[in-house]
Amino acid sequence: MVMFDSLNAHFDYMDVTRHWHAESEKYAGGDALMTRLNDGWMLKETVFLEEYWHAGVRLVTIYHCELELDGESEKMPVLANPYVGRMLNSLSLQIRPLSEKNTVETNADKAN
């Protein structure tokens, strides 16, 4: 698990609390991810990156994050923007293409 210390983040973020739930919104923003991290949730070491072209003309990038807190886990797809990119790159994460997800999860299961 990757622990996030917002006091040592070395980048500014406005003081906003943002609720997000998978049943109400398909994607989360960076503010919702930051709220989870500030609430003590921890990111798994591997985040998967999905890229696709919306209508063939606009690149859309989504980070598929998995968070855990007190034995509870949550999958949070986060829309990319420069802030989210800086935040995830500042943490000790592996960012891999979404196409590698099954391979990584299978290898992790074998290791356990």
PDB file of N, CA and C in Angstrom:
ATOM      1  N   MET A   1       0.830  -1.185   0.000  1.00  0.00           N
ATOM      2  CA  MET A   1       0.000   0.000   0.000  1.00  0.00           C
ATOM      3  C   MET A   1       0.873   1.246   0.000  1.00  0.00           C
ATOM      4  N   VAL A   2       0.381   2.277  -0.621  1.00  0.00           N
ATOM      5  CA  VAL A   2       1.099   3.540  -0.674  1.00  0.00           C
ATOM      6  C   VAL A   2       0.399   4.523   0.250  1.00  0.00           C
ATOM      7  N   MET A   3       1.155   5.044   1.199  1.00  0.00           N
ATOM      8  CA  MET A   3       0.605   6.011   2.139  1.00  0.00           C
ATOM      9  C   MET A   3       0.822   7.412   1.594  1.00  0.00           C
ATOM     10  N   PHE A   4      -0.164   8.248   1.712  1.00  0.00           N
ATOM     11  CA  PHE A   4      -0.112   9.613   1.220  1.00  0.00           C
ATOM     12  C   PHE A   4      -0.093  10.562   2.399  1.00  0.00           C
ATOM     13  N   ASP A   5       0.890  11.446   2.422  1.00  0.00           N
ATOM     14  CA  ASP A   5       0.990  12.457   3.468  1.00  0.00           C
ATOM     15  C   ASP A   5       0.754  13.816   2.822  1.00  0.00           C
ATOM     16  N   SER A   6      -0.444  14.349   2.974  1.00  0.00           N
ATOM     17  CA  SER A   6      -0.786  15.602   2.304  1.00  0.00           C
ATOM     18  C   SER A   6       0.039  16.779   2.812  1.00  0.00           C
ATOM     19  N   LEU A   7       0.591  16.674   4.017  1.00  0.00           N
ATOM     20  CA  LEU A   7       1.429  17.757   4.541  1.00  0.00           C
ATOM     21  C   LEU A   7       2.791  17.797   3.858  1.00  0.00           C
ATOM     22  N   ASN A   8       3.175  16.695   3.237  1.00  0.00           N
ATOM     23  CA  ASN A   8       4.470  16.612   2.590  1.00  0.00           C
ATOM     24  C   ASN A   8       4.310  16.416   1.083  1.00  0.00           C
ATOM     25  N   ALA A   9       3.233  16.899   0.526  1.00  0.00           N
ATOM     26  CA  ALA A   9       2.927  16.644  -0.881  1.00  0.00           C
ATOM     27  C   ALA A   9       3.740  17.514  -1.833  1.00  0.00           C
ATOM     28  N   HIS A  10       4.214  18.644  -1.390  1.00  0.00           N
ATOM     29  CA  HIS A  10       5.009  19.559  -2.207  1.00  0.00           C
ATOM     30  C   HIS A  10       4.249  20.079  -3.430  1.00  0.00           C
ATOM     31  N   PHE A  11       2.955  20.127  -3.334  1.00  0.00           N
ATOM     32  CA  PHE A  11       2.161  20.810  -4.335  1.00  0.00           C
ATOM     33  C   PHE A  11       0.906  21.316  -3.647  1.00  0.00           C
ATOM     34  N   ASP A  12       0.386  22.398  -4.164  1.00  0.00           N
ATOM     35  CA  ASP A  12      -0.759  23.042  -3.525  1.00  0.00           C
ATOM     36  C   ASP A  12      -2.062  22.377  -3.929  1.00  0.00           C
ATOM     37  N   TYR A  13      -2.992  22.398  -3.016  1.00  0.00           N
ATOM     38  CA  TYR A  13      -4.332  21.906  -3.292  1.00  0.00           C
ATOM     39  C   TYR A  13      -5.307  22.690  -2.432  1.00  0.00           C
ATOM     40  N   MET A  14      -6.378  23.121  -3.040  1.00  0.00           N
ATOM     41  CA  MET A  14      -7.357  23.877  -2.274  1.00  0.00           C
ATOM     42  C   MET A  14      -8.043  22.963  -1.261  1.00  0.00           C
ATOM     43  N   ASP A  15      -8.474  23.530  -0.183  1.00  0.00           N
ATOM     44  CA  ASP A  15      -9.097  22.769   0.885  1.00  0.00           C
ATOM     45  C   ASP A  15     -10.543  22.472   0.512  1.00  0.00           C
ATOM     46  N   VAL A  16     -10.756  21.323  -0.131  1.00  0.00           N
ATOM     47  CA  VAL A  16     -12.077  20.940  -0.598  1.00  0.00           C
ATOM     48  C   VAL A  16     -12.322  19.490  -0.211  1.00  0.00           C
ATOM     49  N   THR A  17     -13.492  19.197   0.282  1.00  0.00           N
ATOM     50  CA  THR A  17     -13.893  17.825   0.535  1.00  0.00           C
ATOM     51  C   THR A  17     -14.907  17.452  -0.530  1.00  0.00           C
ATOM     52  N   ARG A  18     -14.638  16.365  -1.233  1.00  0.00           N
ATOM     53  CA  ARG A  18     -15.489  15.981  -2.360  1.00  0.00           C
ATOM     54  C   ARG A  18     -15.962  14.549  -2.185  1.00  0.00           C
ATOM     55  N   HIS A  19     -17.259  14.368  -2.085  1.00  0.00           N
ATOM     56  CA  HIS A  19     -17.835  13.029  -1.993  1.00  0.00           C
ATOM     57  C   HIS A  19     -17.915  12.413  -3.384  1.00  0.00           C
ATOM     58  N   TRP A  20     -17.629  11.113  -3.470  1.00  0.00           N
ATOM     59  CA  TRP A  20     -17.786  10.370  -4.716  1.00  0.00           C
ATOM     60  C   TRP A  20     -18.230   8.958  -4.381  1.00  0.00           C
ATOM     61  N   HIS A  21     -19.144   8.430  -5.184  1.00  0.00           N
ATOM     62  CA  HIS A  21     -19.571   7.036  -5.042  1.00  0.00           C
ATOM     63  C   HIS A  21     -19.805   6.472  -6.435  1.00  0.00           C
ATOM     64  N   ALA A  22     -19.363   5.244  -6.643  1.00  0.00           N
ATOM     65  CA  ALA A  22     -19.432   4.610  -7.964  1.00  0.00           C
ATOM     66  C   ALA A  22     -20.855   4.500  -8.499  1.00  0.00           C
ATOM     67  N   GLU A  23     -21.840   4.412  -7.624  1.00  0.00           N
ATOM     68  CA  GLU A  23     -23.221   4.293  -8.091  1.00  0.00           C
ATOM     69  C   GLU A  23     -23.817   5.629  -8.519  1.00  0.00           C
ATOM     70  N   SER A  24     -23.180   6.737  -8.151  1.00  0.00           N
ATOM     71  CA  SER A  24     -23.721   8.041  -8.532  1.00  0.00           C
ATOM     72  C   SER A  24     -22.922   8.715  -9.640  1.00  0.00           C
ATOM     73  N   GLU A  25     -21.641   8.351  -9.775  1.00  0.00           N
ATOM     74  CA  GLU A  25     -20.804   8.942 -10.822  1.00  0.00           C
ATOM     75  C   GLU A  25     -19.894   7.871 -11.390  1.00  0.00           C
ATOM     76  N   LYS A  26     -19.776   7.847 -12.717  1.00  0.00           N
ATOM     77  CA  LYS A  26     -18.932   6.842 -13.359  1.00  0.00           C
ATOM     78  C   LYS A  26     -17.452   7.101 -13.074  1.00  0.00           C
ATOM     79  N   TYR A  27     -17.045   8.366 -13.080  1.00  0.00           N
ATOM     80  CA  TYR A  27     -15.648   8.728 -12.871  1.00  0.00           C
ATOM     81  C   TYR A  27     -15.532   9.727 -11.724  1.00  0.00           C
ATOM     82  N   ALA A  28     -14.384   9.676 -11.068  1.00  0.00           N
ATOM     83  CA  ALA A  28     -14.095  10.630  -9.994  1.00  0.00           C
ATOM     84  C   ALA A  28     -13.112  11.670 -10.514  1.00  0.00           C
ATOM     85  N   GLY A  29     -13.076  12.785  -9.832  1.00  0.00           N
ATOM     86  CA  GLY A  29     -12.082  13.812 -10.131  1.00  0.00           C
ATOM     87  C   GLY A  29     -10.936  13.718  -9.138  1.00  0.00           C
ATOM     88  N   GLY A  30      -9.897  14.483  -9.387  1.00  0.00           N
ATOM     89  CA  GLY A  30      -8.751  14.509  -8.492  1.00  0.00           C
ATOM     90  C   GLY A  30      -9.119  14.947  -7.096  1.00  0.00           C
ATOM     91  N   ASP A  31     -10.123  15.808  -6.969  1.00  0.00           N
ATOM     92  CA  ASP A  31     -10.542  16.267  -5.646  1.00  0.00           C
ATOM     93  C   ASP A  31     -11.142  15.132  -4.822  1.00  0.00           C
ATOM     94  N   ALA A  32     -11.863  14.226  -5.467  1.00  0.00           N
ATOM     95  CA  ALA A  32     -12.434  13.078  -4.754  1.00  0.00           C
ATOM     96  C   ALA A  32     -11.337  12.112  -4.326  1.00  0.00           C
ATOM     97  N   LEU A  33     -10.345  11.896  -5.196  1.00  0.00           N
ATOM     98  CA  LEU A  33      -9.217  11.043  -4.835  1.00  0.00           C
ATOM     99  C   LEU A  33      -8.454  11.648  -3.658  1.00  0.00           C
ATOM    100  N   MET A  34      -8.198  12.940  -3.709  1.00  0.00           N
ATOM    101  CA  MET A  34      -7.487  13.612  -2.626  1.00  0.00           C
ATOM    102  C   MET A  34      -8.268  13.513  -1.316  1.00  0.00           C
ATOM    103  N   THR A  35      -9.589  13.631  -1.371  1.00  0.00           N
ATOM    104  CA  THR A  35     -10.415  13.504  -0.171  1.00  0.00           C
ATOM    105  C   THR A  35     -10.244  12.121   0.444  1.00  0.00           C
ATOM    106  N   ARG A  36     -10.272  11.076  -0.396  1.00  0.00           N
ATOM    107  CA  ARG A  36     -10.090   9.705   0.114  1.00  0.00           C
ATOM    108  C   ARG A  36      -8.714   9.556   0.776  1.00  0.00           C
ATOM    109  N   LEU A  37      -7.677  10.057   0.112  1.00  0.00           N
ATOM    110  CA  LEU A  37      -6.324   9.930   0.654  1.00  0.00           C
ATOM    111  C   LEU A  37      -6.194  10.691   1.970  1.00  0.00           C
ATOM    112  N   ASN A  38      -6.769  11.869   2.049  1.00  0.00           N
ATOM    113  CA  ASN A  38      -6.732  12.646   3.291  1.00  0.00           C
ATOM    114  C   ASN A  38      -7.541  11.985   4.404  1.00  0.00           C
ATOM    115  N   ASP A  39      -8.534  11.162   4.025  1.00  0.00           N
ATOM    116  CA  ASP A  39      -9.346  10.448   5.009  1.00  0.00           C
ATOM    117  C   ASP A  39      -8.682   9.154   5.473  1.00  0.00           C
ATOM    118  N   GLY A  40      -7.477   8.877   4.979  1.00  0.00           N
ATOM    119  CA  GLY A  40      -6.741   7.704   5.445  1.00  0.00           C
ATOM    120  C   GLY A  40      -6.739   6.515   4.511  1.00  0.00           C
ATOM    121  N   TRP A  41      -7.469   6.594   3.398  1.00  0.00           N
ATOM    122  CA  TRP A  41      -7.443   5.504   2.439  1.00  0.00           C
ATOM    123  C   TRP A  41      -6.040   5.409   1.848  1.00  0.00           C
ATOM    124  N   MET A  42      -5.626   4.197   1.506  1.00  0.00           N
ATOM    125  CA  MET A  42      -4.298   3.990   0.926  1.00  0.00           C
ATOM    126  C   MET A  42      -4.434   3.385  -0.468  1.00  0.00           C
ATOM    127  N   LEU A  43      -3.603   3.882  -1.380  1.00  0.00           N
ATOM    128  CA  LEU A  43      -3.597   3.384  -2.752  1.00  0.00           C
ATOM    129  C   LEU A  43      -2.799   2.094  -2.845  1.00  0.00           C
ATOM    130  N   LYS A  44      -3.296   1.154  -3.635  1.00  0.00           N
ATOM    131  CA  LYS A  44      -2.480  -0.014  -3.956  1.00  0.00           C
ATOM    132  C   LYS A  44      -1.334   0.457  -4.832  1.00  0.00           C
ATOM    133  N   GLU A  45      -0.246  -0.319  -4.843  1.00  0.00           N
ATOM    134  CA  GLU A  45       0.994   0.099  -5.504  1.00  0.00           C
ATOM    135  C   GLU A  45       0.875   0.248  -7.010  1.00  0.00           C
ATOM    136  N   THR A  46      -0.086  -0.438  -7.628  1.00  0.00           N
ATOM    137  CA  THR A  46      -0.224  -0.372  -9.082  1.00  0.00           C
ATOM    138  C   THR A  46      -1.516   0.348  -9.448  1.00  0.00           C
ATOM    139  N   VAL A  47      -1.378   1.358 -10.290  1.00  0.00           N
ATOM    140  CA  VAL A  47      -2.512   2.093 -10.838  1.00  0.00           C
ATOM    141  C   VAL A  47      -2.510   1.823 -12.341  1.00  0.00           C
ATOM    142  N   PHE A  48      -3.678   1.543 -12.882  1.00  0.00           N
ATOM    143  CA  PHE A  48      -3.769   1.223 -14.301  1.00  0.00           C
ATOM    144  C   PHE A  48      -4.281   2.411 -15.089  1.00  0.00           C
ATOM    145  N   LEU A  49      -3.668   2.625 -16.225  1.00  0.00           N
ATOM    146  CA  LEU A  49      -3.936   3.785 -17.080  1.00  0.00           C
ATOM    147  C   LEU A  49      -4.708   3.335 -18.311  1.00  0.00           C
ATOM    148  N   GLU A  50      -5.843   3.962 -18.547  1.00  0.00           N
ATOM    149  CA  GLU A  50      -6.660   3.687 -19.734  1.00  0.00           C
ATOM    150  C   GLU A  50      -6.703   4.942 -20.591  1.00  0.00           C
ATOM    151  N   GLU A  51      -6.417   4.779 -21.856  1.00  0.00           N
ATOM    152  CA  GLU A  51      -6.491   5.896 -22.791  1.00  0.00           C
ATOM    153  C   GLU A  51      -7.386   5.508 -23.953  1.00  0.00           C
ATOM    154  N   TYR A  52      -8.286   6.398 -24.312  1.00  0.00           N
ATOM    155  CA  TYR A  52      -9.078   6.172 -25.518  1.00  0.00           C
ATOM    156  C   TYR A  52      -9.430   7.512 -26.138  1.00  0.00           C
ATOM    157  N   TRP A  53      -9.741   7.454 -27.404  1.00  0.00           N
ATOM    158  CA  TRP A  53     -10.072   8.664 -28.148  1.00  0.00           C
ATOM    159  C   TRP A  53     -11.583   8.820 -28.190  1.00  0.00           C
ATOM    160  N   HIS A  54     -12.079   9.880 -27.598  1.00  0.00           N
ATOM    161  CA  HIS A  54     -13.505  10.184 -27.592  1.00  0.00           C
ATOM    162  C   HIS A  54     -13.871  10.768 -28.950  1.00  0.00           C
ATOM    163  N   ALA A  55     -14.777  10.107 -29.623  1.00  0.00           N
ATOM    164  CA  ALA A  55     -15.215  10.520 -30.959  1.00  0.00           C
ATOM    165  C   ALA A  55     -14.048  10.614 -31.935  1.00  0.00           C
ATOM    166  N   GLY A  56     -12.960   9.943 -31.624  1.00  0.00           N
ATOM    167  CA  GLY A  56     -11.816   9.914 -32.528  1.00  0.00           C
ATOM    168  C   GLY A  56     -10.987  11.191 -32.567  1.00  0.00           C
ATOM    169  N   VAL A  57     -11.325  12.191 -31.743  1.00  0.00           N
ATOM    170  CA  VAL A  57     -10.610  13.465 -31.827  1.00  0.00           C
ATOM    171  C   VAL A  57     -10.088  13.994 -30.489  1.00  0.00           C
ATOM    172  N   ARG A  58     -10.534  13.419 -29.381  1.00  0.00           N
ATOM    173  CA  ARG A  58     -10.103  13.935 -28.082  1.00  0.00           C
ATOM    174  C   ARG A  58      -9.656  12.782 -27.200  1.00  0.00           C
ATOM    175  N   LEU A  59      -8.401  12.854 -26.760  1.00  0.00           N
ATOM    176  CA  LEU A  59      -7.862  11.812 -25.899  1.00  0.00           C
ATOM    177  C   LEU A  59      -8.435  11.937 -24.489  1.00  0.00           C
ATOM    178  N   VAL A  60      -8.952  10.837 -23.971  1.00  0.00           N
ATOM    179  CA  VAL A  60      -9.460  10.777 -22.608  1.00  0.00           C
ATOM    180  C   VAL A  60      -8.596   9.760 -21.864  1.00  0.00           C
ATOM    181  N   THR A  61      -8.056  10.176 -20.729  1.00  0.00           N
ATOM    182  CA  THR A  61      -7.197   9.310 -19.928  1.00  0.00           C
ATOM    183  C   THR A  61      -7.842   9.113 -18.563  1.00  0.00           C
ATOM    184  N   ILE A  62      -7.877   7.850 -18.134  1.00  0.00           N
ATOM    185  CA  ILE A  62      -8.479   7.508 -16.852  1.00  0.00           C
ATOM    186  C   ILE A  62      -7.480   6.663 -16.072  1.00  0.00           C
ATOM    187  N   TYR A  63      -7.253   7.048 -14.816  1.00  0.00           N
ATOM    188  CA  TYR A  63      -6.431   6.256 -13.908  1.00  0.00           C
ATOM    189  C   TYR A  63      -7.371   5.365 -13.095  1.00  0.00           C
ATOM    190  N   HIS A  64      -7.156   4.065 -13.149  1.00  0.00           N
ATOM    191  CA  HIS A  64      -7.964   3.126 -12.373  1.00  0.00           C
ATOM    192  C   HIS A  64      -7.221   2.851 -11.067  1.00  0.00           C
ATOM    193  N   CYS A  65      -7.702   3.467  -9.985  1.00  0.00           N
ATOM    194  CA  CYS A  65      -7.069   3.372  -8.680  1.00  0.00           C
ATOM    195  C   CYS A  65      -7.850   2.404  -7.806  1.00  0.00           C
ATOM    196  N   GLU A  66      -7.127   1.666  -6.988  1.00  0.00           N
ATOM    197  CA  GLU A  66      -7.773   0.823  -5.988  1.00  0.00           C
ATOM    198  C   GLU A  66      -7.280   1.279  -4.621  1.00  0.00           C
ATOM    199  N   LEU A  67      -8.228   1.578  -3.749  1.00  0.00           N
ATOM    200  CA  LEU A  67      -7.920   2.106  -2.425  1.00  0.00           C
ATOM    201  C   LEU A  67      -8.391   1.125  -1.354  1.00  0.00           C
ATOM    202  N   GLU A  68      -7.740   1.169  -0.193  1.00  0.00           N
ATOM    203  CA  GLU A  68      -8.142   0.333   0.937  1.00  0.00           C
ATOM    204  C   GLU A  68      -8.118   1.128   2.230  1.00  0.00           C
ATOM    205  N   LEU A  69      -9.064   0.793   3.105  1.00  0.00           N
ATOM    206  CA  LEU A  69      -9.118   1.378   4.448  1.00  0.00           C
ATOM    207  C   LEU A  69      -9.807   0.376   5.365  1.00  0.00           C
ATOM    208  N   ASP A  70      -9.126  -0.039   6.416  1.00  0.00           N
ATOM    209  CA  ASP A  70      -9.698  -0.933   7.433  1.00  0.00           C
ATOM    210  C   ASP A  70     -10.344  -2.177   6.824  1.00  0.00           C
ATOM    211  N   GLY A  71      -9.667  -2.806   5.877  1.00  0.00           N
ATOM    212  CA  GLY A  71     -10.170  -4.029   5.269  1.00  0.00           C
ATOM    213  C   GLY A  71     -11.207  -3.817   4.176  1.00  0.00           C
ATOM    214  N   GLU A  72     -11.609  -2.609   3.961  1.00  0.00           N
ATOM    215  CA  GLU A  72     -12.572  -2.283   2.903  1.00  0.00           C
ATOM    216  C   GLU A  72     -11.799  -1.798   1.693  1.00  0.00           C
ATOM    217  N   SER A  73     -12.207  -2.225   0.500  1.00  0.00           N
ATOM    218  CA  SER A  73     -11.528  -1.745  -0.702  1.00  0.00           C
ATOM    219  C   SER A  73     -12.532  -1.078  -1.633  1.00  0.00           C
ATOM    220  N   GLU A  74     -12.005  -0.217  -2.464  1.00  0.00           N
ATOM    221  CA  GLU A  74     -12.837   0.557  -3.380  1.00  0.00           C
ATOM    222  C   GLU A  74     -12.051   0.815  -4.651  1.00  0.00           C
ATOM    223  N   LYS A  75     -12.711   0.638  -5.778  1.00  0.00           N
ATOM    224  CA  LYS A  75     -12.104   0.958  -7.065  1.00  0.00           C
ATOM    225  C   LYS A  75     -12.606   2.327  -7.482  1.00  0.00           C
ATOM    226  N   MET A  76     -11.673   3.193  -7.857  1.00  0.00           N
ATOM    227  CA  MET A  76     -12.016   4.559  -8.211  1.00  0.00           C
ATOM    228  C   MET A  76     -11.369   4.926  -9.553  1.00  0.00           C
ATOM    229  N   PRO A  77     -12.163   5.028 -10.612  1.00  0.00           N
ATOM    230  CA  PRO A  77     -11.614   5.508 -11.878  1.00  0.00           C
ATOM    231  C   PRO A  77     -11.557   7.036 -11.849  1.00  0.00           C
ATOM    232  N   VAL A  78     -10.366   7.580 -12.023  1.00  0.00           N
ATOM    233  CA  VAL A  78     -10.152   9.024 -11.885  1.00  0.00           C
ATOM    234  C   VAL A  78      -9.783   9.623 -13.237  1.00  0.00           C
ATOM    235  N   LEU A  79     -10.522  10.645 -13.640  1.00  0.00           N
ATOM    236  CA  LEU A  79     -10.204  11.339 -14.885  1.00  0.00           C
ATOM    237  C   LEU A  79      -8.884  12.084 -14.734  1.00  0.00           C
ATOM    238  N   ALA A  80      -8.038  11.936 -15.727  1.00  0.00           N
ATOM    239  CA  ALA A  80      -6.716  12.558 -15.677  1.00  0.00           C
ATOM    240  C   ALA A  80      -6.801  14.051 -15.943  1.00  0.00           C
ATOM    241  N   ASN A  81      -5.929  14.769 -15.278  1.00  0.00           N
ATOM    242  CA  ASN A  81      -5.677  16.176 -15.552  1.00  0.00           C
ATOM    243  C   ASN A  81      -4.262  16.436 -15.035  1.00  0.00           C
ATOM    244  N   PRO A  82      -3.690  17.591 -15.289  1.00  0.00           N
ATOM    245  CA  PRO A  82      -2.307  17.818 -14.845  1.00  0.00           C
ATOM    246  C   PRO A  82      -2.104  17.626 -13.346  1.00  0.00           C
ATOM    247  N   TYR A  83      -3.065  18.027 -12.521  1.00  0.00           N
ATOM    248  CA  TYR A  83      -2.933  17.858 -11.073  1.00  0.00           C
ATOM    249  C   TYR A  83      -2.862  16.378 -10.695  1.00  0.00           C
ATOM    250  N   VAL A  84      -3.777  15.582 -11.220  1.00  0.00           N
ATOM    251  CA  VAL A  84      -3.815  14.152 -10.902  1.00  0.00           C
ATOM    252  C   VAL A  84      -2.516  13.486 -11.361  1.00  0.00           C
ATOM    253  N   GLY A  85      -2.040  13.837 -12.535  1.00  0.00           N
ATOM    254  CA  GLY A  85      -0.791  13.285 -13.041  1.00  0.00           C
ATOM    255  C   GLY A  85       0.381  13.593 -12.122  1.00  0.00           C
ATOM    256  N   ARG A  86       0.493  14.850 -11.670  1.00  0.00           N
ATOM    257  CA  ARG A  86       1.576  15.230 -10.751  1.00  0.00           C
ATOM    258  C   ARG A  86       1.468  14.487  -9.430  1.00  0.00           C
ATOM    259  N   MET A  87       0.248  14.389  -8.903  1.00  0.00           N
ATOM    260  CA  MET A  87       0.045  13.734  -7.625  1.00  0.00           C
ATOM    261  C   MET A  87       0.446  12.258  -7.712  1.00  0.00           C
ATOM    262  N   LEU A  88      -0.036  11.545  -8.721  1.00  0.00           N
ATOM    263  CA  LEU A  88       0.275  10.121  -8.840  1.00  0.00           C
ATOM    264  C   LEU A  88       1.751   9.889  -9.145  1.00  0.00           C
ATOM    265  N   ASN A  89       2.352  10.763  -9.932  1.00  0.00           N
ATOM    266  CA  ASN A  89       3.775  10.616 -10.233  1.00  0.00           C
ATOM    267  C   ASN A  89       4.649  10.905  -9.023  1.00  0.00           C
ATOM    268  N   SER A  90       4.144  11.675  -8.057  1.00  0.00           N
ATOM    269  CA  SER A  90       4.933  11.990  -6.868  1.00  0.00           C
ATOM    270  C   SER A  90       4.937  10.834  -5.863  1.00  0.00           C
ATOM    271  N   LEU A  91       4.019   9.891  -6.016  1.00  0.00           N
ATOM    272  CA  LEU A  91       3.935   8.748  -5.112  1.00  0.00           C
ATOM    273  C   LEU A  91       4.734   7.581  -5.691  1.00  0.00           C
ATOM    274  N   SER A  92       5.084   6.634  -4.859  1.00  0.00           N
ATOM    275  CA  SER A  92       5.837   5.456  -5.307  1.00  0.00           C
ATOM    276  C   SER A  92       4.872   4.424  -5.874  1.00  0.00           C
ATOM    277  N   LEU A  93       4.372   4.698  -7.061  1.00  0.00           N
ATOM    278  CA  LEU A  93       3.388   3.837  -7.708  1.00  0.00           C
ATOM    279  C   LEU A  93       3.945   3.262  -8.999  1.00  0.00           C
ATOM    280  N   GLN A  94       3.392   2.151  -9.396  1.00  0.00           N
ATOM    281  CA  GLN A  94       3.617   1.646 -10.741  1.00  0.00           C
ATOM    282  C   GLN A  94       2.390   2.046 -11.540  1.00  0.00           C
ATOM    283  N   ILE A  95       2.592   2.756 -12.622  1.00  0.00           N
ATOM    284  CA  ILE A  95       1.474   3.121 -13.492  1.00  0.00           C
ATOM    285  C   ILE A  95       1.634   2.293 -14.759  1.00  0.00           C
ATOM    286  N   ARG A  96       0.662   1.413 -14.986  1.00  0.00           N
ATOM    287  CA  ARG A  96       0.734   0.460 -16.087  1.00  0.00           C
ATOM    288  C   ARG A  96      -0.497   0.585 -16.959  1.00  0.00           C
ATOM    289  N   PRO A  97      -0.371   0.182 -18.226  1.00  0.00           N
ATOM    290  CA  PRO A  97      -1.541   0.203 -19.112  1.00  0.00           C
ATOM    291  C   PRO A  97      -2.632  -0.738 -18.600  1.00  0.00           C
ATOM    292  N   LEU A  98      -3.862  -0.371 -18.813  1.00  0.00           N
ATOM    293  CA  LEU A  98      -4.993  -1.181 -18.371  1.00  0.00           C
ATOM    294  C   LEU A  98      -4.939  -2.574 -19.001  1.00  0.00           C
ATOM    295  N   SER A  99      -4.375  -2.686 -20.175  1.00  0.00           N
ATOM    296  CA  SER A  99      -4.287  -3.984 -20.848  1.00  0.00           C
ATOM    297  C   SER A  99      -3.453  -4.997 -20.067  1.00  0.00           C
ATOM    298  N   GLU A 100      -2.613  -4.537 -19.134  1.00  0.00           N
ATOM    299  CA  GLU A 100      -1.781  -5.429 -18.324  1.00  0.00           C
ATOM    300  C   GLU A 100      -2.448  -5.832 -17.006  1.00  0.00           C
ATOM    301  N   LYS A 101      -3.655  -5.365 -16.761  1.00  0.00           N
ATOM    302  CA  LYS A 101      -4.284  -5.590 -15.459  1.00  0.00           C
ATOM    303  C   LYS A 101      -4.430  -7.066 -15.118  1.00  0.00           C
ATOM    304  N   ASN A 102      -4.949  -7.868 -16.018  1.00  0.00           N
ATOM    305  CA  ASN A 102      -5.144  -9.289 -15.722  1.00  0.00           C
ATOM    306  C   ASN A 102      -3.819  -9.990 -15.459  1.00  0.00           C
ATOM    307  N   THR A 103      -2.778  -9.641 -16.200  1.00  0.00           N
ATOM    308  CA  THR A 103      -1.457 -10.237 -16.015  1.00  0.00           C
ATOM    309  C   THR A 103      -0.892  -9.894 -14.638  1.00  0.00           C
ATOM    310  N   VAL A 104      -0.984  -8.631 -14.266  1.00  0.00           N
ATOM    311  CA  VAL A 104      -0.451  -8.177 -12.966  1.00  0.00           C
ATOM    312  C   VAL A 104      -1.217  -8.836 -11.828  1.00  0.00           C
ATOM    313  N   GLU A 105      -2.541  -8.884 -11.913  1.00  0.00           N
ATOM    314  CA  GLU A 105      -3.347  -9.482 -10.846  1.00  0.00           C
ATOM    315  C   GLU A 105      -3.101 -10.988 -10.731  1.00  0.00           C
ATOM    316  N   THR A 106      -2.927 -11.673 -11.868  1.00  0.00           N
ATOM    317  CA  THR A 106      -2.638 -13.110 -11.852  1.00  0.00           C
ATOM    318  C   THR A 106      -1.288 -13.365 -11.193  1.00  0.00           C
ATOM    319  N   ASN A 107      -0.287 -12.574 -11.525  1.00  0.00           N
ATOM    320  CA  ASN A 107       1.039 -12.731 -10.919  1.00  0.00           C
ATOM    321  C   ASN A 107       1.010 -12.445  -9.431  1.00  0.00           C
ATOM    322  N   ALA A 108       0.221 -11.468  -9.008  1.00  0.00           N
ATOM    323  CA  ALA A 108       0.102 -11.143  -7.587  1.00  0.00           C
ATOM    324  C   ALA A 108      -0.567 -12.292  -6.831  1.00  0.00           C
ATOM    325  N   ASP A 109      -1.584 -12.907  -7.441  1.00  0.00           N
ATOM    326  CA  ASP A 109      -2.258 -14.036  -6.801  1.00  0.00           C
ATOM    327  C   ASP A 109      -1.304 -15.215  -6.651  1.00  0.00           C
ATOM    328  N   LYS A 110      -0.469 -15.458  -7.651  1.00  0.00           N
ATOM    329  CA  LYS A 110       0.496 -16.558  -7.586  1.00  0.00           C
ATOM    330  C   LYS A 110       1.532 -16.315  -6.498  1.00  0.00           C
ATOM    331  N   ALA A 111       1.913 -15.055  -6.294  1.00  0.00           N
ATOM    332  CA  ALA A 111       2.918 -14.718  -5.283  1.00  0.00           C
ATOM    333  C   ALA A 111       2.370 -14.922  -3.864  1.00  0.00           C
ATOM    334  N   ASN A 112       1.060 -14.774  -3.710  1.00  0.00           N
ATOM    335  CA  ASN A 112       0.444 -14.935  -2.385  1.00  0.00           C
ATOM    336  C   ASN A 112       0.144 -16.366  -2.184  1.00  0.00           C
TER     337      ASN A 112
END
